[in-house]
Amino acid sequence: RILGLLDYLEKYDEGTKADNNHIISSLRKSSLDLDL
């Protein structure tokens, strides 16, 4: 999931702020899951 979201950010850097916040939130959640 993390790799997919990072790949999305690299390709679509002109996304809306709401989309970016949603992606960052998903990255944090996936990172926390990975930490657990």
PDB file of all heavy atoms in Angstrom:
ATOM      1  N   ARG A   1       0.835  -1.203   0.000  1.00  0.00           N
ATOM      2  CA  ARG A   1       0.000   0.000   0.000  1.00  0.00           C
ATOM      3  C   ARG A   1       0.871   1.255   0.000  1.00  0.00           C
ATOM      4  O   ARG A   1       0.638   2.234  -0.711  1.00  0.00           O
ATOM      5  CB  ARG A   1      -0.938   0.002   1.198  1.00  0.00           C
ATOM      6  CG  ARG A   1      -2.070  -1.037   1.073  1.00  0.00           C
ATOM      7  CD  ARG A   1      -3.220  -0.708   2.055  1.00  0.00           C
ATOM      8  NE  ARG A   1      -2.789  -0.683   3.435  1.00  0.00           N
ATOM      9  CZ  ARG A   1      -2.777  -1.741   4.210  1.00  0.00           C
ATOM     10  NH1 ARG A   1      -3.165  -2.921   3.752  1.00  0.00           N
ATOM     11  NH2 ARG A   1      -2.388  -1.602   5.456  1.00  0.00           N
ATOM     12  N   ILE A   2       1.905   1.198   0.889  1.00  0.00           N
ATOM     13  CA  ILE A   2       2.803   2.363   0.980  1.00  0.00           C
ATOM     14  C   ILE A   2       3.492   2.609  -0.371  1.00  0.00           C
ATOM     15  O   ILE A   2       3.590   3.762  -0.853  1.00  0.00           O
ATOM     16  CB  ILE A   2       3.833   2.146   2.084  1.00  0.00           C
ATOM     17  CG1 ILE A   2       3.147   2.163   3.449  1.00  0.00           C
ATOM     18  CG2 ILE A   2       4.933   3.191   2.050  1.00  0.00           C
ATOM     19  CD1 ILE A   2       4.051   1.760   4.612  1.00  0.00           C
ATOM     20  N   LEU A   3       4.014   1.566  -0.967  1.00  0.00           N
ATOM     21  CA  LEU A   3       4.700   1.699  -2.243  1.00  0.00           C
ATOM     22  C   LEU A   3       3.741   2.239  -3.333  1.00  0.00           C
ATOM     23  O   LEU A   3       4.122   3.070  -4.199  1.00  0.00           O
ATOM     24  CB  LEU A   3       5.291   0.343  -2.668  1.00  0.00           C
ATOM     25  CG  LEU A   3       6.450  -0.167  -1.803  1.00  0.00           C
ATOM     26  CD1 LEU A   3       6.852  -1.571  -2.241  1.00  0.00           C
ATOM     27  CD2 LEU A   3       7.653   0.774  -1.919  1.00  0.00           C
ATOM     28  N   GLY A   4       2.470   1.758  -3.295  1.00  0.00           N
ATOM     29  CA  GLY A   4       1.485   2.226  -4.295  1.00  0.00           C
ATOM     30  C   GLY A   4       1.171   3.708  -4.138  1.00  0.00           C
ATOM     31  O   GLY A   4       1.064   4.464  -5.129  1.00  0.00           O
ATOM     32  N   LEU A   5       1.003   4.143  -2.858  1.00  0.00           N
ATOM     33  CA  LEU A   5       0.697   5.546  -2.583  1.00  0.00           C
ATOM     34  C   LEU A   5       1.869   6.430  -2.976  1.00  0.00           C
ATOM     35  O   LEU A   5       1.696   7.540  -3.544  1.00  0.00           O
ATOM     36  CB  LEU A   5       0.351   5.713  -1.105  1.00  0.00           C
ATOM     37  CG  LEU A   5      -0.987   5.087  -0.662  1.00  0.00           C
ATOM     38  CD1 LEU A   5      -1.125   5.136   0.863  1.00  0.00           C
ATOM     39  CD2 LEU A   5      -2.168   5.841  -1.317  1.00  0.00           C
ATOM     40  N   LEU A   6       3.097   5.991  -2.691  1.00  0.00           N
ATOM     41  CA  LEU A   6       4.279   6.775  -3.057  1.00  0.00           C
ATOM     42  C   LEU A   6       4.383   6.867  -4.583  1.00  0.00           C
ATOM     43  O   LEU A   6       4.754   7.926  -5.138  1.00  0.00           O
ATOM     44  CB  LEU A   6       5.547   6.132  -2.482  1.00  0.00           C
ATOM     45  CG  LEU A   6       5.696   6.221  -0.958  1.00  0.00           C
ATOM     46  CD1 LEU A   6       6.915   5.410  -0.486  1.00  0.00           C
ATOM     47  CD2 LEU A   6       5.857   7.682  -0.518  1.00  0.00           C
ATOM     48  N   ASP A   7       4.064   5.818  -5.216  1.00  0.00           N
ATOM     49  CA  ASP A   7       4.115   5.815  -6.676  1.00  0.00           C
ATOM     50  C   ASP A   7       3.062   6.780  -7.244  1.00  0.00           C
ATOM     51  O   ASP A   7       3.313   7.487  -8.228  1.00  0.00           O
ATOM     52  CB  ASP A   7       3.874   4.409  -7.207  1.00  0.00           C
ATOM     53  CG  ASP A   7       4.036   4.318  -8.710  1.00  0.00           C
ATOM     54  OD1 ASP A   7       5.155   4.617  -9.202  1.00  0.00           O
ATOM     55  OD2 ASP A   7       3.078   3.875  -9.373  1.00  0.00           O
ATOM     56  N   TYR A   8       1.895   6.832  -6.609  1.00  0.00           N
ATOM     57  CA  TYR A   8       0.825   7.751  -7.028  1.00  0.00           C
ATOM     58  C   TYR A   8       1.272   9.191  -6.874  1.00  0.00           C
ATOM     59  O   TYR A   8       1.040  10.040  -7.744  1.00  0.00           O
ATOM     60  CB  TYR A   8      -0.442   7.459  -6.212  1.00  0.00           C
ATOM     61  CG  TYR A   8      -1.589   8.371  -6.556  1.00  0.00           C
ATOM     62  CD1 TYR A   8      -2.406   8.155  -7.684  1.00  0.00           C
ATOM     63  CD2 TYR A   8      -1.826   9.505  -5.763  1.00  0.00           C
ATOM     64  CE1 TYR A   8      -3.431   9.017  -7.978  1.00  0.00           C
ATOM     65  CE2 TYR A   8      -2.876  10.367  -6.061  1.00  0.00           C
ATOM     66  CZ  TYR A   8      -3.680  10.112  -7.178  1.00  0.00           C
ATOM     67  OH  TYR A   8      -4.703  10.993  -7.471  1.00  0.00           O
ATOM     68  N   LEU A   9       1.935   9.488  -5.727  1.00  0.00           N
ATOM     69  CA  LEU A   9       2.410  10.847  -5.474  1.00  0.00           C
ATOM     70  C   LEU A   9       3.436  11.266  -6.513  1.00  0.00           C
ATOM     71  O   LEU A   9       3.474  12.435  -6.937  1.00  0.00           O
ATOM     72  CB  LEU A   9       3.033  10.946  -4.080  1.00  0.00           C
ATOM     73  CG  LEU A   9       2.032  10.919  -2.902  1.00  0.00           C
ATOM     74  CD1 LEU A   9       2.802  10.903  -1.583  1.00  0.00           C
ATOM     75  CD2 LEU A   9       1.098  12.144  -2.950  1.00  0.00           C
ATOM     76  N   GLU A  10       4.264  10.355  -6.927  1.00  0.00           N
ATOM     77  CA  GLU A  10       5.279  10.705  -7.915  1.00  0.00           C
ATOM     78  C   GLU A  10       4.641  11.000  -9.268  1.00  0.00           C
ATOM     79  O   GLU A  10       5.095  11.888 -10.029  1.00  0.00           O
ATOM     80  CB  GLU A  10       6.292   9.568  -8.043  1.00  0.00           C
ATOM     81  CG  GLU A  10       7.199   9.432  -6.867  1.00  0.00           C
ATOM     82  CD  GLU A  10       8.169   8.280  -7.034  1.00  0.00           C
ATOM     83  OE1 GLU A  10       8.065   7.516  -8.031  1.00  0.00           O
ATOM     84  OE2 GLU A  10       9.037   8.090  -6.143  1.00  0.00           O
ATOM     85  N   LYS A  11       3.612  10.311  -9.618  1.00  0.00           N
ATOM     86  CA  LYS A  11       2.995  10.473 -10.947  1.00  0.00           C
ATOM     87  C   LYS A  11       1.997  11.621 -10.982  1.00  0.00           C
ATOM     88  O   LYS A  11       1.794  12.292 -12.030  1.00  0.00           O
ATOM     89  CB  LYS A  11       2.314   9.172 -11.355  1.00  0.00           C
ATOM     90  CG  LYS A  11       3.300   8.069 -11.661  1.00  0.00           C
ATOM     91  CD  LYS A  11       2.561   6.821 -12.082  1.00  0.00           C
ATOM     92  CE  LYS A  11       3.531   5.718 -12.445  1.00  0.00           C
ATOM     93  NZ  LYS A  11       2.831   4.479 -12.883  1.00  0.00           N
ATOM     94  N   TYR A  12       1.292  11.819  -9.866  1.00  0.00           N
ATOM     95  CA  TYR A  12       0.223  12.837  -9.872  1.00  0.00           C
ATOM     96  C   TYR A  12       0.534  13.885  -8.813  1.00  0.00           C
ATOM     97  O   TYR A  12      -0.103  13.942  -7.744  1.00  0.00           O
ATOM     98  CB  TYR A  12      -1.128  12.186  -9.592  1.00  0.00           C
ATOM     99  CG  TYR A  12      -1.449  11.072 -10.578  1.00  0.00           C
ATOM    100  CD1 TYR A  12      -1.244   9.751 -10.247  1.00  0.00           C
ATOM    101  CD2 TYR A  12      -1.962  11.391 -11.849  1.00  0.00           C
ATOM    102  CE1 TYR A  12      -1.535   8.728 -11.147  1.00  0.00           C
ATOM    103  CE2 TYR A  12      -2.249  10.372 -12.748  1.00  0.00           C
ATOM    104  CZ  TYR A  12      -2.036   9.040 -12.399  1.00  0.00           C
ATOM    105  OH  TYR A  12      -2.313   8.035 -13.262  1.00  0.00           O
ATOM    106  N   ASP A  13       1.542  14.685  -9.031  1.00  0.00           N
ATOM    107  CA  ASP A  13       1.942  15.696  -8.049  1.00  0.00           C
ATOM    108  C   ASP A  13       1.025  16.925  -8.098  1.00  0.00           C
ATOM    109  O   ASP A  13       1.141  17.840  -7.291  1.00  0.00           O
ATOM    110  CB  ASP A  13       3.388  16.123  -8.301  1.00  0.00           C
ATOM    111  CG  ASP A  13       3.617  16.566  -9.739  1.00  0.00           C
ATOM    112  OD1 ASP A  13       2.712  16.411 -10.545  1.00  0.00           O
ATOM    113  OD2 ASP A  13       4.743  17.016 -10.013  1.00  0.00           O
ATOM    114  N   GLU A  14       0.094  17.001  -9.035  1.00  0.00           N
ATOM    115  CA  GLU A  14      -0.812  18.131  -9.128  1.00  0.00           C
ATOM    116  C   GLU A  14      -2.187  17.831  -8.507  1.00  0.00           C
ATOM    117  O   GLU A  14      -3.180  18.451  -8.817  1.00  0.00           O
ATOM    118  CB  GLU A  14      -0.993  18.501 -10.604  1.00  0.00           C
ATOM    119  CG  GLU A  14       0.277  19.008 -11.273  1.00  0.00           C
ATOM    120  CD  GLU A  14       0.076  19.364 -12.718  1.00  0.00           C
ATOM    121  OE1 GLU A  14      -1.058  19.143 -13.211  1.00  0.00           O
ATOM    122  OE2 GLU A  14       1.016  19.858 -13.346  1.00  0.00           O
ATOM    123  N   GLY A  15      -2.237  16.877  -7.687  1.00  0.00           N
ATOM    124  CA  GLY A  15      -3.503  16.526  -7.051  1.00  0.00           C
ATOM    125  C   GLY A  15      -3.968  17.596  -6.077  1.00  0.00           C
ATOM    126  O   GLY A  15      -3.198  18.458  -5.649  1.00  0.00           O
ATOM    127  N   THR A  16      -5.215  17.526  -5.706  1.00  0.00           N
ATOM    128  CA  THR A  16      -5.787  18.487  -4.772  1.00  0.00           C
ATOM    129  C   THR A  16      -5.224  18.262  -3.398  1.00  0.00           C
ATOM    130  O   THR A  16      -4.667  17.207  -3.090  1.00  0.00           O
ATOM    131  CB  THR A  16      -7.317  18.365  -4.742  1.00  0.00           C
ATOM    132  OG1 THR A  16      -7.635  17.078  -4.230  1.00  0.00           O
ATOM    133  CG2 THR A  16      -7.908  18.576  -6.140  1.00  0.00           C
ATOM    134  N   LYS A  17      -5.438  19.292  -2.603  1.00  0.00           N
ATOM    135  CA  LYS A  17      -4.945  19.199  -1.216  1.00  0.00           C
ATOM    136  C   LYS A  17      -5.668  18.112  -0.455  1.00  0.00           C
ATOM    137  O   LYS A  17      -5.087  17.374   0.337  1.00  0.00           O
ATOM    138  CB  LYS A  17      -5.138  20.548  -0.531  1.00  0.00           C
ATOM    139  CG  LYS A  17      -4.541  20.588   0.858  1.00  0.00           C
ATOM    140  CD  LYS A  17      -4.688  21.989   1.455  1.00  0.00           C
ATOM    141  CE  LYS A  17      -4.047  22.064   2.825  1.00  0.00           C
ATOM    142  NZ  LYS A  17      -4.168  23.411   3.404  1.00  0.00           N
ATOM    143  N   ALA A  18      -6.952  17.986  -0.716  1.00  0.00           N
ATOM    144  CA  ALA A  18      -7.742  16.961  -0.015  1.00  0.00           C
ATOM    145  C   ALA A  18      -7.258  15.575  -0.398  1.00  0.00           C
ATOM    146  O   ALA A  18      -7.141  14.676   0.442  1.00  0.00           O
ATOM    147  CB  ALA A  18      -9.227  17.111  -0.349  1.00  0.00           C
ATOM    148  N   ASP A  19      -6.894  15.432  -1.687  1.00  0.00           N
ATOM    149  CA  ASP A  19      -6.383  14.117  -2.112  1.00  0.00           C
ATOM    150  C   ASP A  19      -5.051  13.831  -1.464  1.00  0.00           C
ATOM    151  O   ASP A  19      -4.782  12.692  -1.020  1.00  0.00           O
ATOM    152  CB  ASP A  19      -6.240  14.070  -3.643  1.00  0.00           C
ATOM    153  CG  ASP A  19      -7.593  14.109  -4.350  1.00  0.00           C
ATOM    154  OD1 ASP A  19      -8.589  13.675  -3.708  1.00  0.00           O
ATOM    155  OD2 ASP A  19      -7.627  14.492  -5.522  1.00  0.00           O
ATOM    156  N   ASN A  20      -4.225  14.863  -1.423  1.00  0.00           N
ATOM    157  CA  ASN A  20      -2.899  14.666  -0.799  1.00  0.00           C
ATOM    158  C   ASN A  20      -3.022  14.318   0.674  1.00  0.00           C
ATOM    159  O   ASN A  20      -2.301  13.465   1.202  1.00  0.00           O
ATOM    160  CB  ASN A  20      -2.032  15.911  -0.981  1.00  0.00           C
ATOM    161  CG  ASN A  20      -1.627  16.129  -2.443  1.00  0.00           C
ATOM    162  OD1 ASN A  20      -1.590  15.165  -3.230  1.00  0.00           O
ATOM    163  ND2 ASN A  20      -1.328  17.368  -2.820  1.00  0.00           N
ATOM    164  N   ASN A  21      -3.902  15.012   1.340  1.00  0.00           N
ATOM    165  CA  ASN A  21      -4.100  14.711   2.783  1.00  0.00           C
ATOM    166  C   ASN A  21      -4.604  13.272   2.965  1.00  0.00           C
ATOM    167  O   ASN A  21      -4.217  12.571   3.919  1.00  0.00           O
ATOM    168  CB  ASN A  21      -5.098  15.698   3.402  1.00  0.00           C
ATOM    169  CG  ASN A  21      -4.498  17.106   3.529  1.00  0.00           C
ATOM    170  OD1 ASN A  21      -3.270  17.271   3.587  1.00  0.00           O
ATOM    171  ND2 ASN A  21      -5.348  18.124   3.544  1.00  0.00           N
ATOM    172  N   HIS A  22      -5.496  12.899   2.053  1.00  0.00           N
ATOM    173  CA  HIS A  22      -6.013  11.502   2.161  1.00  0.00           C
ATOM    174  C   HIS A  22      -4.886  10.482   1.935  1.00  0.00           C
ATOM    175  O   HIS A  22      -4.788   9.448   2.645  1.00  0.00           O
ATOM    176  CB  HIS A  22      -7.129  11.313   1.138  1.00  0.00           C
ATOM    177  CG  HIS A  22      -7.674   9.921   1.132  1.00  0.00           C
ATOM    178  ND1 HIS A  22      -8.473   9.422   2.155  1.00  0.00           N
ATOM    179  CD2 HIS A  22      -7.535   8.913   0.220  1.00  0.00           C
ATOM    180  CE1 HIS A  22      -8.778   8.193   1.889  1.00  0.00           C
ATOM    181  NE2 HIS A  22      -8.213   7.843   0.683  1.00  0.00           N
ATOM    182  N   ILE A  23      -4.019  10.795   0.968  1.00  0.00           N
ATOM    183  CA  ILE A  23      -2.889   9.876   0.684  1.00  0.00           C
ATOM    184  C   ILE A  23      -1.941   9.826   1.873  1.00  0.00           C
ATOM    185  O   ILE A  23      -1.478   8.735   2.293  1.00  0.00           O
ATOM    186  CB  ILE A  23      -2.160  10.319  -0.592  1.00  0.00           C
ATOM    187  CG1 ILE A  23      -3.064  10.097  -1.826  1.00  0.00           C
ATOM    188  CG2 ILE A  23      -0.835   9.548  -0.769  1.00  0.00           C
ATOM    189  CD1 ILE A  23      -2.511  10.728  -3.117  1.00  0.00           C
ATOM    190  N   ILE A  24      -1.639  10.998   2.450  1.00  0.00           N
ATOM    191  CA  ILE A  24      -0.726  11.050   3.609  1.00  0.00           C
ATOM    192  C   ILE A  24      -1.315  10.270   4.779  1.00  0.00           C
ATOM    193  O   ILE A  24      -0.620   9.528   5.489  1.00  0.00           O
ATOM    194  CB  ILE A  24      -0.438  12.509   4.005  1.00  0.00           C
ATOM    195  CG1 ILE A  24       0.400  13.177   2.912  1.00  0.00           C
ATOM    196  CG2 ILE A  24       0.292  12.573   5.353  1.00  0.00           C
ATOM    197  CD1 ILE A  24       0.543  14.705   3.091  1.00  0.00           C
ATOM    198  N   SER A  25      -2.629  10.445   4.950  1.00  0.00           N
ATOM    199  CA  SER A  25      -3.300   9.724   6.038  1.00  0.00           C
ATOM    200  C   SER A  25      -3.193   8.208   5.802  1.00  0.00           C
ATOM    201  O   SER A  25      -2.937   7.423   6.736  1.00  0.00           O
ATOM    202  CB  SER A  25      -4.772  10.166   6.114  1.00  0.00           C
ATOM    203  OG  SER A  25      -5.454   9.426   7.111  1.00  0.00           O
ATOM    204  N   SER A  26      -3.366   7.779   4.540  1.00  0.00           N
ATOM    205  CA  SER A  26      -3.251   6.331   4.237  1.00  0.00           C
ATOM    206  C   SER A  26      -1.838   5.833   4.443  1.00  0.00           C
ATOM    207  O   SER A  26      -1.613   4.714   4.947  1.00  0.00           O
ATOM    208  CB  SER A  26      -3.708   6.090   2.774  1.00  0.00           C
ATOM    209  OG  SER A  26      -5.064   6.430   2.591  1.00  0.00           O
ATOM    210  N   LEU A  27      -0.839   6.722   4.058  1.00  0.00           N
ATOM    211  CA  LEU A  27       0.552   6.331   4.299  1.00  0.00           C
ATOM    212  C   LEU A  27       0.839   6.150   5.790  1.00  0.00           C
ATOM    213  O   LEU A  27       1.519   5.200   6.227  1.00  0.00           O
ATOM    214  CB  LEU A  27       1.511   7.376   3.705  1.00  0.00           C
ATOM    215  CG  LEU A  27       1.662   7.365   2.193  1.00  0.00           C
ATOM    216  CD1 LEU A  27       2.459   8.602   1.721  1.00  0.00           C
ATOM    217  CD2 LEU A  27       2.379   6.075   1.755  1.00  0.00           C
ATOM    218  N   ARG A  28       0.329   7.076   6.590  1.00  0.00           N
ATOM    219  CA  ARG A  28       0.556   6.961   8.048  1.00  0.00           C
ATOM    220  C   ARG A  28      -0.081   5.687   8.582  1.00  0.00           C
ATOM    221  O   ARG A  28       0.517   4.973   9.399  1.00  0.00           O
ATOM    222  CB  ARG A  28      -0.034   8.197   8.728  1.00  0.00           C
ATOM    223  CG  ARG A  28       0.201   8.178  10.251  1.00  0.00           C
ATOM    224  CD  ARG A  28      -0.368   9.424  10.921  1.00  0.00           C
ATOM    225  NE  ARG A  28       0.442  10.594  10.551  1.00  0.00           N
ATOM    226  CZ  ARG A  28       0.045  11.576   9.793  1.00  0.00           C
ATOM    227  NH1 ARG A  28      -1.197  11.555   9.263  1.00  0.00           N
ATOM    228  NH2 ARG A  28       0.829  12.597   9.492  1.00  0.00           N
ATOM    229  N   LYS A  29      -1.305   5.438   8.132  1.00  0.00           N
ATOM    230  CA  LYS A  29      -2.002   4.253   8.635  1.00  0.00           C
ATOM    231  C   LYS A  29      -1.253   2.979   8.231  1.00  0.00           C
ATOM    232  O   LYS A  29      -1.038   2.061   9.046  1.00  0.00           O
ATOM    233  CB  LYS A  29      -3.432   4.202   8.105  1.00  0.00           C
ATOM    234  CG  LYS A  29      -4.252   3.017   8.630  1.00  0.00           C
ATOM    235  CD  LYS A  29      -5.668   3.091   8.116  1.00  0.00           C
ATOM    236  CE  LYS A  29      -6.500   1.934   8.678  1.00  0.00           C
ATOM    237  NZ  LYS A  29      -5.949   0.646   8.360  1.00  0.00           N
ATOM    238  N   SER A  30      -0.830   2.935   6.956  1.00  0.00           N
ATOM    239  CA  SER A  30      -0.089   1.739   6.499  1.00  0.00           C
ATOM    240  C   SER A  30       1.246   1.611   7.232  1.00  0.00           C
ATOM    241  O   SER A  30       1.694   0.500   7.575  1.00  0.00           O
ATOM    242  CB  SER A  30       0.147   1.836   4.977  1.00  0.00           C
ATOM    243  OG  SER A  30      -1.072   1.819   4.275  1.00  0.00           O
ATOM    244  N   SER A  31       1.923   2.758   7.512  1.00  0.00           N
ATOM    245  CA  SER A  31       3.194   2.718   8.264  1.00  0.00           C
ATOM    246  C   SER A  31       2.983   2.203   9.691  1.00  0.00           C
ATOM    247  O   SER A  31       3.787   1.422  10.216  1.00  0.00           O
ATOM    248  CB  SER A  31       3.820   4.124   8.292  1.00  0.00           C
ATOM    249  OG  SER A  31       4.130   4.557   6.993  1.00  0.00           O
ATOM    250  N   LEU A  32       1.887   2.662  10.318  1.00  0.00           N
ATOM    251  CA  LEU A  32       1.586   2.179  11.678  1.00  0.00           C
ATOM    252  C   LEU A  32       1.289   0.669  11.673  1.00  0.00           C
ATOM    253  O   LEU A  32       1.726  -0.072  12.578  1.00  0.00           O
ATOM    254  CB  LEU A  32       0.392   2.975  12.248  1.00  0.00           C
ATOM    255  CG  LEU A  32       0.672   4.444  12.601  1.00  0.00           C
ATOM    256  CD1 LEU A  32      -0.628   5.166  13.012  1.00  0.00           C
ATOM    257  CD2 LEU A  32       1.720   4.557  13.713  1.00  0.00           C
ATOM    258  N   ASP A  33       0.522   0.276  10.641  1.00  0.00           N
ATOM    259  CA  ASP A  33       0.247  -1.178  10.544  1.00  0.00           C
ATOM    260  C   ASP A  33       1.548  -1.958  10.369  1.00  0.00           C
ATOM    261  O   ASP A  33       1.746  -3.023  10.983  1.00  0.00           O
ATOM    262  CB  ASP A  33      -0.685  -1.465   9.357  1.00  0.00           C
ATOM    263  CG  ASP A  33      -2.108  -0.949   9.601  1.00  0.00           C
ATOM    264  OD1 ASP A  33      -2.439  -0.728  10.795  1.00  0.00           O
ATOM    265  OD2 ASP A  33      -2.855  -0.832   8.615  1.00  0.00           O
ATOM    266  N   LEU A  34       2.423  -1.408   9.526  1.00  0.00           N
ATOM    267  CA  LEU A  34       3.709  -2.086   9.311  1.00  0.00           C
ATOM    268  C   LEU A  34       4.546  -2.112  10.592  1.00  0.00           C
ATOM    269  O   LEU A  34       5.197  -3.113  10.913  1.00  0.00           O
ATOM    270  CB  LEU A  34       4.462  -1.384   8.182  1.00  0.00           C
ATOM    271  CG  LEU A  34       5.808  -1.991   7.792  1.00  0.00           C
ATOM    272  CD1 LEU A  34       5.623  -3.449   7.317  1.00  0.00           C
ATOM    273  CD2 LEU A  34       6.478  -1.170   6.686  1.00  0.00           C
ATOM    274  N   ASP A  35       4.496  -1.004  11.342  1.00  0.00           N
ATOM    275  CA  ASP A  35       5.247  -0.956  12.625  1.00  0.00           C
ATOM    276  C   ASP A  35       4.727  -2.022  13.590  1.00  0.00           C
ATOM    277  O   ASP A  35       5.519  -2.700  14.280  1.00  0.00           O
ATOM    278  CB  ASP A  35       5.125   0.443  13.204  1.00  0.00           C
ATOM    279  CG  ASP A  35       5.886   0.577  14.514  1.00  0.00           C
ATOM    280  OD1 ASP A  35       7.138   0.370  14.509  1.00  0.00           O
ATOM    281  OD2 ASP A  35       5.258   0.815  15.566  1.00  0.00           O
ATOM    282  N   LEU A  36       3.406  -2.156  13.666  1.00  0.00           N
ATOM    283  CA  LEU A  36       2.835  -3.178  14.568  1.00  0.00           C
ATOM    284  C   LEU A  36       3.279  -4.594  14.157  1.00  0.00           C
ATOM    285  O   LEU A  36       3.610  -5.435  15.001  1.00  0.00           O
ATOM    286  CB  LEU A  36       1.299  -3.071  14.547  1.00  0.00           C
ATOM    287  CG  LEU A  36       0.703  -1.843  15.256  1.00  0.00           C
ATOM    288  CD1 LEU A  36      -0.819  -1.801  15.052  1.00  0.00           C
ATOM    289  CD2 LEU A  36       1.026  -1.878  16.759  1.00  0.00           C
TER     290      LEU A  36
END
